[in-house]
Amino acid sequence: MVDIAVVDYGMGNLHSVAKALEYVAPKAEVAVTSDPDIIAKAGRVVFPGQGAMPDCMRELDSRGLRQAVEEAAKTKPFLGICMGLQLLFDFSEEGHVPGLGLMPGTVRRFPKEAMVDAQGQKMKVPHMGWNQVFRTGEHKMWAGIEDGTRFYFVHSYYVEPANPDLIAGFTHYPFAFASVVARENVFAVQFHPEKSHTPGLSLLGNFILWDGSSGAAE
């Protein structure tokens, strides 16, 4: 049985994620796969990715991956990265398409009129580069990671959960947006841990140890 399945839906820098997982868990079997059966049997699942939401959802369906991803997000430790966060929600303004609907809320584009910093300077979209993540509470995935740690972001859209309790971390650009969500066995981040050096590796290492049964830190 594969220990960690990295979902391959034809988009995103999947192999850098797999290499980072292999680094933090050298004894684990990591498979980059588009095989629903392998995903179904894996001990834990990572859904990374980047690109456009309509393309992502189309590829999930064309490759027969939707059911396997939905089931994984309901039954086993599941880590969503970037697009793997956004597709969990009901609807995206990007292409005006529905997501998987596993969490209530909407994926929104950074509004042009709001993209001004405290000095009145225009801020770029996509949001690209290092930024702080502030957690909203304790979670086993945060073990050994200081509040306000900087991670690497590349995105033009952000999630707006309908239930604030889903928010496990937030980031300012220029307003506070949900950059991390968590519920039961799911932990999903807008940033790229595989591009975030030591903090990112720490997060991935925590995922390897997390059984998904309880997010709350003991």
N, C-alpha and C. Protein backbone atom coordinates (compact mmCIF):
# COMPACT_ATOMS: atom_id res chain seq x y z
N MET A 1 0.84 -1.20 0.00
CA MET A 1 0.00 0.00 0.00
C MET A 1 0.88 1.25 0.00
N VAL A 2 0.52 2.22 -0.82
CA VAL A 2 1.22 3.50 -0.86
C VAL A 2 0.94 4.26 0.44
N ASP A 3 1.99 4.82 1.02
CA ASP A 3 1.80 5.58 2.26
C ASP A 3 1.18 6.95 1.98
N ILE A 4 1.70 7.64 0.94
CA ILE A 4 1.24 8.98 0.62
C ILE A 4 0.97 9.07 -0.88
N ALA A 5 -0.26 9.38 -1.24
CA ALA A 5 -0.60 9.59 -2.65
C ALA A 5 -0.66 11.08 -2.93
N VAL A 6 0.11 11.53 -3.92
CA VAL A 6 0.06 12.91 -4.40
C VAL A 6 -0.79 12.89 -5.66
N VAL A 7 -1.94 13.55 -5.62
CA VAL A 7 -2.90 13.46 -6.71
C VAL A 7 -2.37 14.19 -7.96
N ASP A 8 -2.29 13.45 -9.05
CA ASP A 8 -1.84 13.99 -10.32
C ASP A 8 -3.05 14.20 -11.22
N TYR A 9 -3.43 15.45 -11.41
CA TYR A 9 -4.54 15.75 -12.31
C TYR A 9 -4.05 16.58 -13.49
N GLY A 10 -2.74 16.51 -13.75
CA GLY A 10 -2.18 17.14 -14.93
C GLY A 10 -1.83 18.60 -14.78
N MET A 11 -1.88 19.12 -13.54
CA MET A 11 -1.59 20.53 -13.31
C MET A 11 -0.77 20.68 -12.03
N GLY A 12 0.16 21.61 -12.03
CA GLY A 12 0.89 21.92 -10.80
C GLY A 12 2.25 21.27 -10.74
N ASN A 13 3.04 21.75 -9.81
CA ASN A 13 4.41 21.27 -9.64
C ASN A 13 4.41 20.08 -8.68
N LEU A 14 3.88 18.96 -9.16
CA LEU A 14 3.64 17.81 -8.29
C LEU A 14 4.93 17.17 -7.79
N HIS A 15 5.93 17.12 -8.63
CA HIS A 15 7.13 16.38 -8.26
C HIS A 15 7.95 17.11 -7.20
N SER A 16 7.86 18.44 -7.15
CA SER A 16 8.55 19.15 -6.07
C SER A 16 7.88 18.86 -4.73
N VAL A 17 6.56 18.69 -4.76
CA VAL A 17 5.84 18.30 -3.55
C VAL A 17 6.26 16.89 -3.13
N ALA A 18 6.30 15.98 -4.09
CA ALA A 18 6.68 14.60 -3.80
C ALA A 18 8.11 14.53 -3.24
N LYS A 19 9.03 15.29 -3.82
CA LYS A 19 10.42 15.30 -3.35
C LYS A 19 10.51 15.82 -1.92
N ALA A 20 9.72 16.85 -1.62
CA ALA A 20 9.72 17.39 -0.26
C ALA A 20 9.17 16.36 0.73
N LEU A 21 8.13 15.64 0.33
CA LEU A 21 7.57 14.60 1.19
C LEU A 21 8.57 13.46 1.40
N GLU A 22 9.27 13.09 0.35
CA GLU A 22 10.29 12.04 0.47
C GLU A 22 11.44 12.48 1.38
N TYR A 23 11.72 13.77 1.38
CA TYR A 23 12.79 14.30 2.23
C TYR A 23 12.42 14.20 3.71
N VAL A 24 11.16 14.56 4.04
CA VAL A 24 10.75 14.54 5.45
C VAL A 24 10.34 13.14 5.90
N ALA A 25 10.04 12.26 4.96
CA ALA A 25 9.63 10.89 5.30
C ALA A 25 10.36 9.90 4.39
N PRO A 26 11.68 9.74 4.59
CA PRO A 26 12.48 8.92 3.67
C PRO A 26 12.07 7.45 3.61
N LYS A 27 11.39 6.97 4.63
CA LYS A 27 10.98 5.56 4.66
C LYS A 27 9.59 5.34 4.08
N ALA A 28 8.90 6.42 3.77
CA ALA A 28 7.52 6.31 3.26
C ALA A 28 7.53 6.10 1.76
N GLU A 29 6.52 5.39 1.27
CA GLU A 29 6.34 5.24 -0.16
C GLU A 29 5.43 6.36 -0.66
N VAL A 30 6.00 7.24 -1.46
CA VAL A 30 5.26 8.38 -2.00
C VAL A 30 4.99 8.13 -3.48
N ALA A 31 3.74 8.24 -3.89
CA ALA A 31 3.37 8.01 -5.29
C ALA A 31 2.64 9.22 -5.85
N VAL A 32 3.18 9.76 -6.95
CA VAL A 32 2.45 10.76 -7.73
C VAL A 32 1.56 9.98 -8.69
N THR A 33 0.25 10.10 -8.53
CA THR A 33 -0.62 9.17 -9.22
C THR A 33 -1.93 9.80 -9.68
N SER A 34 -2.44 9.31 -10.80
CA SER A 34 -3.77 9.67 -11.28
C SER A 34 -4.68 8.44 -11.26
N ASP A 35 -4.27 7.43 -10.52
CA ASP A 35 -5.03 6.19 -10.41
C ASP A 35 -5.95 6.26 -9.19
N PRO A 36 -7.27 6.29 -9.40
CA PRO A 36 -8.21 6.39 -8.27
C PRO A 36 -8.04 5.26 -7.25
N ASP A 37 -7.67 4.07 -7.72
CA ASP A 37 -7.52 2.94 -6.81
C ASP A 37 -6.34 3.15 -5.86
N ILE A 38 -5.25 3.69 -6.37
CA ILE A 38 -4.09 3.95 -5.51
C ILE A 38 -4.42 5.03 -4.49
N ILE A 39 -5.14 6.06 -4.93
CA ILE A 39 -5.55 7.12 -4.02
C ILE A 39 -6.46 6.56 -2.93
N ALA A 40 -7.37 5.68 -3.33
CA ALA A 40 -8.32 5.10 -2.37
C ALA A 40 -7.63 4.25 -1.31
N LYS A 41 -6.54 3.61 -1.69
CA LYS A 41 -5.86 2.70 -0.77
C LYS A 41 -4.71 3.35 0.00
N ALA A 42 -4.34 4.57 -0.38
CA ALA A 42 -3.21 5.26 0.27
C ALA A 42 -3.54 5.59 1.72
N GLY A 43 -2.50 5.63 2.53
CA GLY A 43 -2.69 5.97 3.94
C GLY A 43 -3.07 7.41 4.15
N ARG A 44 -2.52 8.30 3.31
CA ARG A 44 -2.85 9.73 3.38
C ARG A 44 -2.72 10.32 1.98
N VAL A 45 -3.37 11.45 1.77
CA VAL A 45 -3.45 12.02 0.43
C VAL A 45 -3.09 13.50 0.45
N VAL A 46 -2.29 13.91 -0.55
CA VAL A 46 -1.94 15.31 -0.75
C VAL A 46 -2.49 15.75 -2.10
N PHE A 47 -3.23 16.85 -2.10
CA PHE A 47 -3.72 17.42 -3.36
C PHE A 47 -3.05 18.77 -3.54
N PRO A 48 -1.97 18.83 -4.33
CA PRO A 48 -1.31 20.10 -4.60
C PRO A 48 -1.85 20.69 -5.89
N GLY A 49 -1.23 21.75 -6.35
CA GLY A 49 -1.60 22.22 -7.67
C GLY A 49 -1.71 23.72 -7.79
N GLN A 50 -1.71 24.13 -9.02
CA GLN A 50 -1.88 25.53 -9.37
C GLN A 50 -2.55 25.57 -10.73
N GLY A 51 -2.92 26.76 -11.16
CA GLY A 51 -3.64 26.87 -12.42
C GLY A 51 -5.04 27.40 -12.20
N ALA A 52 -5.90 27.21 -13.18
CA ALA A 52 -7.25 27.77 -13.13
C ALA A 52 -8.25 26.73 -12.63
N MET A 53 -9.20 27.21 -11.83
CA MET A 53 -10.21 26.33 -11.24
C MET A 53 -11.02 25.56 -12.30
N PRO A 54 -11.49 26.19 -13.38
CA PRO A 54 -12.26 25.43 -14.37
C PRO A 54 -11.45 24.28 -14.96
N ASP A 55 -10.17 24.52 -15.24
CA ASP A 55 -9.31 23.46 -15.78
C ASP A 55 -9.14 22.33 -14.77
N CYS A 56 -8.97 22.71 -13.51
CA CYS A 56 -8.79 21.71 -12.45
C CYS A 56 -10.00 20.79 -12.36
N MET A 57 -11.19 21.37 -12.28
CA MET A 57 -12.40 20.58 -12.13
C MET A 57 -12.63 19.70 -13.36
N ARG A 58 -12.34 20.24 -14.54
CA ARG A 58 -12.51 19.46 -15.77
C ARG A 58 -11.57 18.26 -15.79
N GLU A 59 -10.32 18.48 -15.37
CA GLU A 59 -9.35 17.39 -15.36
C GLU A 59 -9.71 16.33 -14.32
N LEU A 60 -10.21 16.77 -13.17
CA LEU A 60 -10.65 15.80 -12.15
C LEU A 60 -11.70 14.85 -12.73
N ASP A 61 -12.65 15.42 -13.44
CA ASP A 61 -13.72 14.60 -14.00
C ASP A 61 -13.23 13.74 -15.16
N SER A 62 -12.42 14.32 -16.04
CA SER A 62 -11.98 13.57 -17.22
C SER A 62 -11.07 12.40 -16.84
N ARG A 63 -10.38 12.53 -15.73
CA ARG A 63 -9.48 11.47 -15.27
C ARG A 63 -10.15 10.52 -14.27
N GLY A 64 -11.42 10.77 -13.98
CA GLY A 64 -12.15 9.90 -13.06
C GLY A 64 -11.67 9.99 -11.63
N LEU A 65 -11.20 11.18 -11.24
CA LEU A 65 -10.60 11.35 -9.91
C LEU A 65 -11.52 11.99 -8.88
N ARG A 66 -12.62 12.55 -9.31
CA ARG A 66 -13.46 13.31 -8.38
C ARG A 66 -13.88 12.47 -7.16
N GLN A 67 -14.41 11.30 -7.40
CA GLN A 67 -14.91 10.48 -6.30
C GLN A 67 -13.79 10.08 -5.35
N ALA A 68 -12.64 9.73 -5.90
CA ALA A 68 -11.51 9.31 -5.07
C ALA A 68 -11.02 10.45 -4.19
N VAL A 69 -10.97 11.66 -4.76
CA VAL A 69 -10.53 12.82 -3.99
C VAL A 69 -11.55 13.17 -2.91
N GLU A 70 -12.83 13.16 -3.27
CA GLU A 70 -13.87 13.45 -2.29
C GLU A 70 -13.84 12.45 -1.14
N GLU A 71 -13.68 11.18 -1.46
CA GLU A 71 -13.65 10.15 -0.43
C GLU A 71 -12.43 10.31 0.47
N ALA A 72 -11.28 10.62 -0.13
CA ALA A 72 -10.06 10.81 0.66
C ALA A 72 -10.22 11.98 1.62
N ALA A 73 -10.87 13.04 1.17
CA ALA A 73 -11.05 14.22 2.00
C ALA A 73 -12.06 13.99 3.12
N LYS A 74 -12.76 12.88 3.05
CA LYS A 74 -13.74 12.55 4.09
C LYS A 74 -13.23 11.48 5.06
N THR A 75 -12.19 10.73 4.66
CA THR A 75 -11.88 9.52 5.41
C THR A 75 -10.44 9.37 5.90
N LYS A 76 -9.50 10.19 5.42
CA LYS A 76 -8.10 9.98 5.78
C LYS A 76 -7.36 11.31 5.87
N PRO A 77 -6.19 11.34 6.47
CA PRO A 77 -5.43 12.59 6.52
C PRO A 77 -5.25 13.17 5.11
N PHE A 78 -5.71 14.39 4.94
CA PHE A 78 -5.77 15.01 3.62
C PHE A 78 -5.16 16.40 3.71
N LEU A 79 -4.17 16.67 2.86
CA LEU A 79 -3.53 17.98 2.81
C LEU A 79 -3.78 18.62 1.46
N GLY A 80 -4.45 19.75 1.45
CA GLY A 80 -4.68 20.50 0.22
C GLY A 80 -3.69 21.65 0.13
N ILE A 81 -3.12 21.86 -1.05
CA ILE A 81 -2.14 22.92 -1.26
C ILE A 81 -2.59 23.79 -2.44
N CYS A 82 -2.73 25.09 -2.21
CA CYS A 82 -3.08 26.06 -3.24
C CYS A 82 -4.42 25.68 -3.88
N MET A 83 -4.43 25.17 -5.10
CA MET A 83 -5.68 24.75 -5.72
C MET A 83 -6.36 23.66 -4.90
N GLY A 84 -5.55 22.86 -4.19
CA GLY A 84 -6.10 21.82 -3.33
C GLY A 84 -6.86 22.36 -2.15
N LEU A 85 -6.68 23.63 -1.83
CA LEU A 85 -7.52 24.32 -0.85
C LEU A 85 -8.79 24.82 -1.52
N GLN A 86 -8.64 25.51 -2.63
CA GLN A 86 -9.77 26.19 -3.25
C GLN A 86 -10.85 25.23 -3.73
N LEU A 87 -10.46 24.08 -4.26
CA LEU A 87 -11.47 23.17 -4.82
C LEU A 87 -12.35 22.53 -3.76
N LEU A 88 -11.98 22.64 -2.48
CA LEU A 88 -12.80 22.07 -1.41
C LEU A 88 -14.12 22.82 -1.23
N PHE A 89 -14.18 24.06 -1.73
CA PHE A 89 -15.33 24.92 -1.43
C PHE A 89 -16.43 24.82 -2.49
N ASP A 90 -17.53 25.51 -2.21
CA ASP A 90 -18.74 25.36 -3.02
C ASP A 90 -18.60 25.92 -4.43
N PHE A 91 -17.97 27.10 -4.53
CA PHE A 91 -18.03 27.83 -5.81
C PHE A 91 -16.82 28.74 -5.95
N SER A 92 -16.36 28.91 -7.19
CA SER A 92 -15.24 29.81 -7.46
C SER A 92 -15.64 30.89 -8.46
N GLU A 93 -15.22 32.12 -8.16
CA GLU A 93 -15.43 33.21 -9.11
C GLU A 93 -14.55 33.04 -10.34
N GLU A 94 -13.52 32.23 -10.24
CA GLU A 94 -12.65 31.98 -11.39
C GLU A 94 -13.37 31.03 -12.35
N GLY A 95 -13.90 31.57 -13.40
CA GLY A 95 -14.65 30.75 -14.35
C GLY A 95 -16.07 30.46 -13.93
N HIS A 96 -16.44 30.93 -12.73
CA HIS A 96 -17.80 30.74 -12.20
C HIS A 96 -18.19 29.26 -12.25
N VAL A 97 -17.38 28.45 -11.59
CA VAL A 97 -17.61 27.01 -11.57
C VAL A 97 -17.77 26.50 -10.14
N PRO A 98 -18.54 25.44 -9.94
CA PRO A 98 -18.65 24.83 -8.62
C PRO A 98 -17.39 24.03 -8.29
N GLY A 99 -17.04 24.01 -7.00
CA GLY A 99 -15.96 23.16 -6.53
C GLY A 99 -16.53 21.84 -6.05
N LEU A 100 -15.82 21.17 -5.17
CA LEU A 100 -16.29 19.89 -4.66
C LEU A 100 -17.38 20.04 -3.61
N GLY A 101 -17.50 21.24 -3.03
CA GLY A 101 -18.57 21.46 -2.05
C GLY A 101 -18.38 20.73 -0.74
N LEU A 102 -17.14 20.43 -0.38
CA LEU A 102 -16.87 19.75 0.88
C LEU A 102 -16.81 20.71 2.06
N MET A 103 -16.65 21.99 1.77
CA MET A 103 -16.69 23.04 2.78
C MET A 103 -17.53 24.18 2.24
N PRO A 104 -18.36 24.79 3.09
CA PRO A 104 -19.21 25.89 2.61
C PRO A 104 -18.40 27.17 2.44
N GLY A 105 -18.58 27.82 1.29
CA GLY A 105 -17.87 29.07 1.06
C GLY A 105 -17.55 29.29 -0.40
N THR A 106 -16.92 30.43 -0.68
CA THR A 106 -16.67 30.86 -2.05
C THR A 106 -15.20 31.21 -2.24
N VAL A 107 -14.70 30.94 -3.42
CA VAL A 107 -13.34 31.34 -3.81
C VAL A 107 -13.48 32.65 -4.58
N ARG A 108 -12.81 33.69 -4.06
CA ARG A 108 -12.97 35.03 -4.64
C ARG A 108 -11.64 35.57 -5.19
N ARG A 109 -11.73 36.41 -6.20
CA ARG A 109 -10.55 37.09 -6.72
C ARG A 109 -10.24 38.29 -5.84
N PHE A 110 -8.96 38.58 -5.64
CA PHE A 110 -8.59 39.80 -4.92
C PHE A 110 -9.22 40.99 -5.64
N PRO A 111 -10.05 41.78 -4.96
CA PRO A 111 -10.74 42.88 -5.61
C PRO A 111 -9.79 44.04 -5.93
N LYS A 112 -9.81 44.47 -7.18
CA LYS A 112 -8.88 45.50 -7.66
C LYS A 112 -8.95 46.75 -6.81
N GLU A 113 -10.16 47.15 -6.41
CA GLU A 113 -10.34 48.40 -5.68
C GLU A 113 -9.76 48.34 -4.26
N ALA A 114 -9.56 47.15 -3.74
CA ALA A 114 -9.05 47.01 -2.37
C ALA A 114 -7.54 46.81 -2.31
N MET A 115 -6.90 46.67 -3.46
CA MET A 115 -5.48 46.31 -3.47
C MET A 115 -4.57 47.54 -3.35
N VAL A 116 -4.65 48.17 -2.17
CA VAL A 116 -3.85 49.36 -1.85
C VAL A 116 -3.28 49.18 -0.45
N ASP A 117 -1.98 49.45 -0.28
CA ASP A 117 -1.37 49.28 1.04
C ASP A 117 -1.60 50.51 1.91
N ALA A 118 -1.05 50.51 3.12
CA ALA A 118 -1.28 51.59 4.09
C ALA A 118 -0.74 52.93 3.60
N GLN A 119 0.22 52.88 2.69
CA GLN A 119 0.80 54.11 2.14
C GLN A 119 0.11 54.57 0.86
N GLY A 120 -0.95 53.85 0.48
CA GLY A 120 -1.69 54.22 -0.72
C GLY A 120 -1.11 53.67 -2.00
N GLN A 121 -0.12 52.78 -1.89
CA GLN A 121 0.50 52.20 -3.08
C GLN A 121 -0.30 50.99 -3.55
N LYS A 122 -0.40 50.86 -4.87
CA LYS A 122 -1.12 49.72 -5.43
C LYS A 122 -0.36 48.42 -5.16
N MET A 123 -1.10 47.37 -4.86
CA MET A 123 -0.52 46.05 -4.61
C MET A 123 -0.84 45.13 -5.77
N LYS A 124 0.11 44.29 -6.10
CA LYS A 124 -0.01 43.45 -7.29
C LYS A 124 -0.88 42.21 -7.06
N VAL A 125 -1.53 41.82 -8.11
CA VAL A 125 -2.22 40.54 -8.18
C VAL A 125 -1.68 39.83 -9.41
N PRO A 126 -1.16 38.61 -9.28
CA PRO A 126 -1.28 37.73 -8.13
C PRO A 126 -0.44 38.15 -6.91
N HIS A 127 -0.92 37.72 -5.78
CA HIS A 127 -0.16 37.82 -4.53
C HIS A 127 0.98 36.81 -4.65
N MET A 128 2.20 37.31 -4.74
CA MET A 128 3.34 36.43 -5.00
C MET A 128 4.50 36.79 -4.09
N GLY A 129 5.00 35.77 -3.38
CA GLY A 129 6.15 35.98 -2.50
C GLY A 129 5.87 35.51 -1.08
N TRP A 130 6.74 35.92 -0.19
CA TRP A 130 6.68 35.48 1.20
C TRP A 130 5.74 36.36 2.01
N ASN A 131 4.93 35.73 2.84
CA ASN A 131 4.02 36.48 3.70
C ASN A 131 3.75 35.67 4.97
N GLN A 132 3.37 36.40 6.00
CA GLN A 132 3.14 35.75 7.30
C GLN A 132 1.79 35.04 7.35
N VAL A 133 1.78 33.97 8.12
CA VAL A 133 0.55 33.23 8.41
C VAL A 133 0.34 33.25 9.92
N PHE A 134 -0.81 33.75 10.33
CA PHE A 134 -1.15 33.83 11.75
C PHE A 134 -2.24 32.80 12.05
N ARG A 135 -2.00 31.94 12.98
CA ARG A 135 -2.97 30.88 13.26
C ARG A 135 -4.08 31.39 14.19
N THR A 136 -5.22 30.75 14.09
CA THR A 136 -6.38 31.15 14.88
C THR A 136 -6.54 30.29 16.13
N GLY A 137 -5.75 29.23 16.23
CA GLY A 137 -5.82 28.34 17.38
C GLY A 137 -4.75 27.28 17.26
N GLU A 138 -4.77 26.33 18.18
CA GLU A 138 -3.78 25.26 18.16
C GLU A 138 -4.23 24.14 17.23
N HIS A 139 -3.27 23.52 16.61
CA HIS A 139 -3.52 22.38 15.73
C HIS A 139 -2.22 21.58 15.64
N LYS A 140 -2.35 20.28 15.54
CA LYS A 140 -1.15 19.43 15.48
C LYS A 140 -0.29 19.75 14.25
N MET A 141 -0.90 20.27 13.21
CA MET A 141 -0.13 20.61 12.01
C MET A 141 0.77 21.83 12.23
N TRP A 142 0.52 22.59 13.29
CA TRP A 142 1.34 23.75 13.60
C TRP A 142 2.51 23.42 14.53
N ALA A 143 2.67 22.18 14.92
CA ALA A 143 3.70 21.81 15.89
C ALA A 143 5.08 22.29 15.45
N GLY A 144 5.78 23.00 16.33
CA GLY A 144 7.13 23.47 16.04
C GLY A 144 7.21 24.65 15.09
N ILE A 145 6.07 25.21 14.70
CA ILE A 145 6.03 26.35 13.77
C ILE A 145 5.50 27.57 14.52
N GLU A 146 6.29 28.62 14.58
CA GLU A 146 5.90 29.81 15.33
C GLU A 146 4.77 30.56 14.63
N ASP A 147 3.90 31.17 15.44
CA ASP A 147 2.84 32.00 14.89
C ASP A 147 3.47 33.18 14.14
N GLY A 148 2.93 33.51 12.98
CA GLY A 148 3.48 34.59 12.18
C GLY A 148 4.61 34.17 11.27
N THR A 149 4.86 32.87 11.16
CA THR A 149 5.91 32.37 10.26
C THR A 149 5.56 32.72 8.81
N ARG A 150 6.59 32.98 8.02
CA ARG A 150 6.39 33.35 6.62
C ARG A 150 6.44 32.11 5.72
N PHE A 151 5.50 32.05 4.79
CA PHE A 151 5.43 31.00 3.79
C PHE A 151 5.34 31.64 2.41
N TYR A 152 5.53 30.82 1.37
CA TYR A 152 5.57 31.35 0.01
C TYR A 152 4.22 31.18 -0.69
N PHE A 153 3.71 32.29 -1.23
CA PHE A 153 2.40 32.32 -1.89
C PHE A 153 2.53 32.66 -3.37
N VAL A 154 1.63 32.09 -4.18
CA VAL A 154 1.42 32.51 -5.57
C VAL A 154 -0.05 32.26 -5.88
N HIS A 155 -0.86 33.33 -5.86
CA HIS A 155 -2.30 33.14 -6.15
C HIS A 155 -2.98 34.47 -6.40
N SER A 156 -4.07 34.40 -7.17
CA SER A 156 -4.90 35.57 -7.47
C SER A 156 -6.27 35.47 -6.82
N TYR A 157 -6.59 34.28 -6.29
CA TYR A 157 -7.88 34.04 -5.66
C TYR A 157 -7.66 33.54 -4.23
N TYR A 158 -8.63 33.78 -3.38
CA TYR A 158 -8.55 33.35 -1.98
C TYR A 158 -9.90 32.78 -1.55
N VAL A 159 -9.90 31.98 -0.51
CA VAL A 159 -11.16 31.38 -0.05
C VAL A 159 -11.83 32.25 1.00
N GLU A 160 -13.14 32.27 0.94
CA GLU A 160 -13.96 32.98 1.92
C GLU A 160 -14.93 31.96 2.53
N PRO A 161 -14.52 31.26 3.59
CA PRO A 161 -15.37 30.24 4.19
C PRO A 161 -16.65 30.85 4.76
N ALA A 162 -17.76 30.14 4.60
CA ALA A 162 -19.02 30.60 5.17
C ALA A 162 -19.03 30.40 6.68
N ASN A 163 -18.23 29.45 7.15
CA ASN A 163 -18.13 29.17 8.59
C ASN A 163 -16.75 29.61 9.08
N PRO A 164 -16.66 30.67 9.88
CA PRO A 164 -15.37 31.15 10.37
C PRO A 164 -14.59 30.10 11.16
N ASP A 165 -15.30 29.12 11.72
CA ASP A 165 -14.63 28.08 12.50
C ASP A 165 -13.70 27.23 11.64
N LEU A 166 -13.89 27.27 10.33
CA LEU A 166 -13.01 26.50 9.45
C LEU A 166 -11.63 27.13 9.31
N ILE A 167 -11.51 28.40 9.63
CA ILE A 167 -10.25 29.12 9.41
C ILE A 167 -9.22 28.75 10.48
N ALA A 168 -8.09 28.19 10.03
CA ALA A 168 -7.01 27.80 10.94
C ALA A 168 -5.83 28.76 10.87
N GLY A 169 -5.85 29.66 9.87
CA GLY A 169 -4.78 30.63 9.74
C GLY A 169 -5.19 31.72 8.75
N PHE A 170 -4.64 32.91 8.94
CA PHE A 170 -4.96 34.00 8.03
C PHE A 170 -3.71 34.80 7.70
N THR A 171 -3.80 35.53 6.60
CA THR A 171 -2.68 36.32 6.08
C THR A 171 -3.22 37.68 5.63
N HIS A 172 -2.39 38.70 5.72
CA HIS A 172 -2.80 40.04 5.29
C HIS A 172 -2.26 40.36 3.90
N TYR A 173 -3.17 40.70 2.96
CA TYR A 173 -2.75 41.17 1.63
C TYR A 173 -3.93 41.82 0.93
N PRO A 174 -4.19 43.09 1.07
CA PRO A 174 -3.77 43.92 2.20
C PRO A 174 -4.70 43.71 3.39
N PHE A 175 -5.85 43.06 3.13
CA PHE A 175 -6.79 42.72 4.20
C PHE A 175 -6.54 41.28 4.64
N ALA A 176 -7.12 40.92 5.76
CA ALA A 176 -6.95 39.56 6.26
C ALA A 176 -7.80 38.59 5.45
N PHE A 177 -7.16 37.54 4.93
CA PHE A 177 -7.91 36.49 4.22
C PHE A 177 -7.52 35.13 4.79
N ALA A 178 -8.40 34.17 4.64
CA ALA A 178 -8.15 32.82 5.15
C ALA A 178 -7.09 32.14 4.29
N SER A 179 -5.92 31.88 4.86
CA SER A 179 -4.86 31.22 4.11
C SER A 179 -4.70 29.76 4.52
N VAL A 180 -5.42 29.36 5.58
CA VAL A 180 -5.40 27.96 6.04
C VAL A 180 -6.79 27.60 6.55
N VAL A 181 -7.28 26.44 6.17
CA VAL A 181 -8.54 25.94 6.73
C VAL A 181 -8.32 24.52 7.26
N ALA A 182 -9.11 24.16 8.24
CA ALA A 182 -9.00 22.82 8.82
C ALA A 182 -10.36 22.35 9.30
N ARG A 183 -10.62 21.07 9.08
CA ARG A 183 -11.83 20.44 9.59
C ARG A 183 -11.58 18.96 9.68
N GLU A 184 -11.69 18.42 10.88
CA GLU A 184 -11.52 16.98 11.10
C GLU A 184 -10.21 16.50 10.46
N ASN A 185 -10.29 15.67 9.43
CA ASN A 185 -9.08 15.06 8.84
C ASN A 185 -8.48 15.88 7.70
N VAL A 186 -9.01 17.09 7.48
CA VAL A 186 -8.55 17.92 6.36
C VAL A 186 -7.79 19.14 6.89
N PHE A 187 -6.63 19.40 6.28
CA PHE A 187 -5.86 20.61 6.54
C PHE A 187 -5.45 21.13 5.17
N ALA A 188 -5.77 22.38 4.86
CA ALA A 188 -5.49 22.89 3.53
C ALA A 188 -4.93 24.30 3.61
N VAL A 189 -3.94 24.58 2.77
CA VAL A 189 -3.21 25.84 2.83
C VAL A 189 -3.17 26.51 1.46
N GLN A 190 -3.20 27.84 1.46
CA GLN A 190 -3.12 28.58 0.20
C GLN A 190 -1.67 28.71 -0.27
N PHE A 191 -0.73 28.69 0.67
CA PHE A 191 0.68 28.83 0.31
C PHE A 191 1.26 27.49 -0.15
N HIS A 192 2.53 27.53 -0.56
CA HIS A 192 3.21 26.34 -1.05
C HIS A 192 4.27 25.89 -0.04
N PRO A 193 3.99 24.89 0.78
CA PRO A 193 5.00 24.43 1.74
C PRO A 193 6.25 23.89 1.07
N GLU A 194 6.09 23.31 -0.13
CA GLU A 194 7.24 22.74 -0.83
C GLU A 194 8.20 23.82 -1.33
N LYS A 195 7.76 25.07 -1.33
CA LYS A 195 8.61 26.20 -1.74
C LYS A 195 8.97 27.09 -0.56
N SER A 196 8.63 26.66 0.65
CA SER A 196 8.75 27.51 1.84
C SER A 196 9.90 27.12 2.76
N HIS A 197 10.88 26.43 2.22
CA HIS A 197 12.10 26.11 2.97
C HIS A 197 11.78 25.37 4.28
N THR A 198 12.48 25.71 5.35
CA THR A 198 12.37 24.98 6.61
C THR A 198 10.95 24.96 7.19
N PRO A 199 10.24 26.10 7.23
CA PRO A 199 8.87 26.06 7.76
C PRO A 199 7.96 25.14 6.97
N GLY A 200 8.12 25.16 5.64
CA GLY A 200 7.30 24.29 4.80
C GLY A 200 7.58 22.82 5.04
N LEU A 201 8.85 22.50 5.19
CA LEU A 201 9.23 21.11 5.47
C LEU A 201 8.70 20.68 6.84
N SER A 202 8.70 21.61 7.79
CA SER A 202 8.14 21.30 9.12
C SER A 202 6.67 20.96 9.02
N LEU A 203 5.95 21.73 8.22
CA LEU A 203 4.52 21.47 8.05
C LEU A 203 4.29 20.11 7.40
N LEU A 204 5.06 19.80 6.37
CA LEU A 204 4.92 18.50 5.71
C LEU A 204 5.30 17.37 6.65
N GLY A 205 6.32 17.60 7.47
CA GLY A 205 6.70 16.59 8.47
C GLY A 205 5.59 16.35 9.47
N ASN A 206 4.90 17.42 9.86
CA ASN A 206 3.77 17.27 10.78
C ASN A 206 2.64 16.48 10.13
N PHE A 207 2.44 16.67 8.83
CA PHE A 207 1.39 15.94 8.14
C PHE A 207 1.69 14.44 8.14
N ILE A 208 2.95 14.08 8.01
CA ILE A 208 3.33 12.68 8.02
C ILE A 208 2.98 12.02 9.35
N LEU A 209 3.08 12.80 10.43
CA LEU A 209 2.83 12.27 11.77
C LEU A 209 1.36 12.36 12.19
N TRP A 210 0.62 13.24 11.56
CA TRP A 210 -0.76 13.50 11.95
C TRP A 210 -1.67 12.37 11.49
N ASP A 211 -2.45 11.83 12.45
CA ASP A 211 -3.36 10.72 12.09
C ASP A 211 -4.71 11.21 11.59
N GLY A 212 -4.94 12.51 11.67
CA GLY A 212 -6.17 13.06 11.13
C GLY A 212 -7.38 12.88 12.02
N SER A 213 -7.20 12.23 13.16
CA SER A 213 -8.36 11.96 14.02
C SER A 213 -8.78 13.16 14.82
N SER A 214 -7.83 14.06 15.07
CA SER A 214 -8.14 15.26 15.85
C SER A 214 -7.14 16.34 15.51
N GLY A 215 -7.63 17.50 15.11
CA GLY A 215 -6.73 18.58 14.77
C GLY A 215 -6.18 19.29 15.99
N ALA A 216 -6.95 19.30 17.06
CA ALA A 216 -6.55 20.06 18.26
C ALA A 216 -5.27 19.50 18.86
N ALA A 217 -4.39 20.41 19.23
CA ALA A 217 -3.14 20.00 19.87
C ALA A 217 -3.42 19.49 21.27
N GLU A 218 -2.71 18.48 21.69
CA GLU A 218 -2.91 17.91 23.01
C GLU A 218 -2.08 18.64 24.04
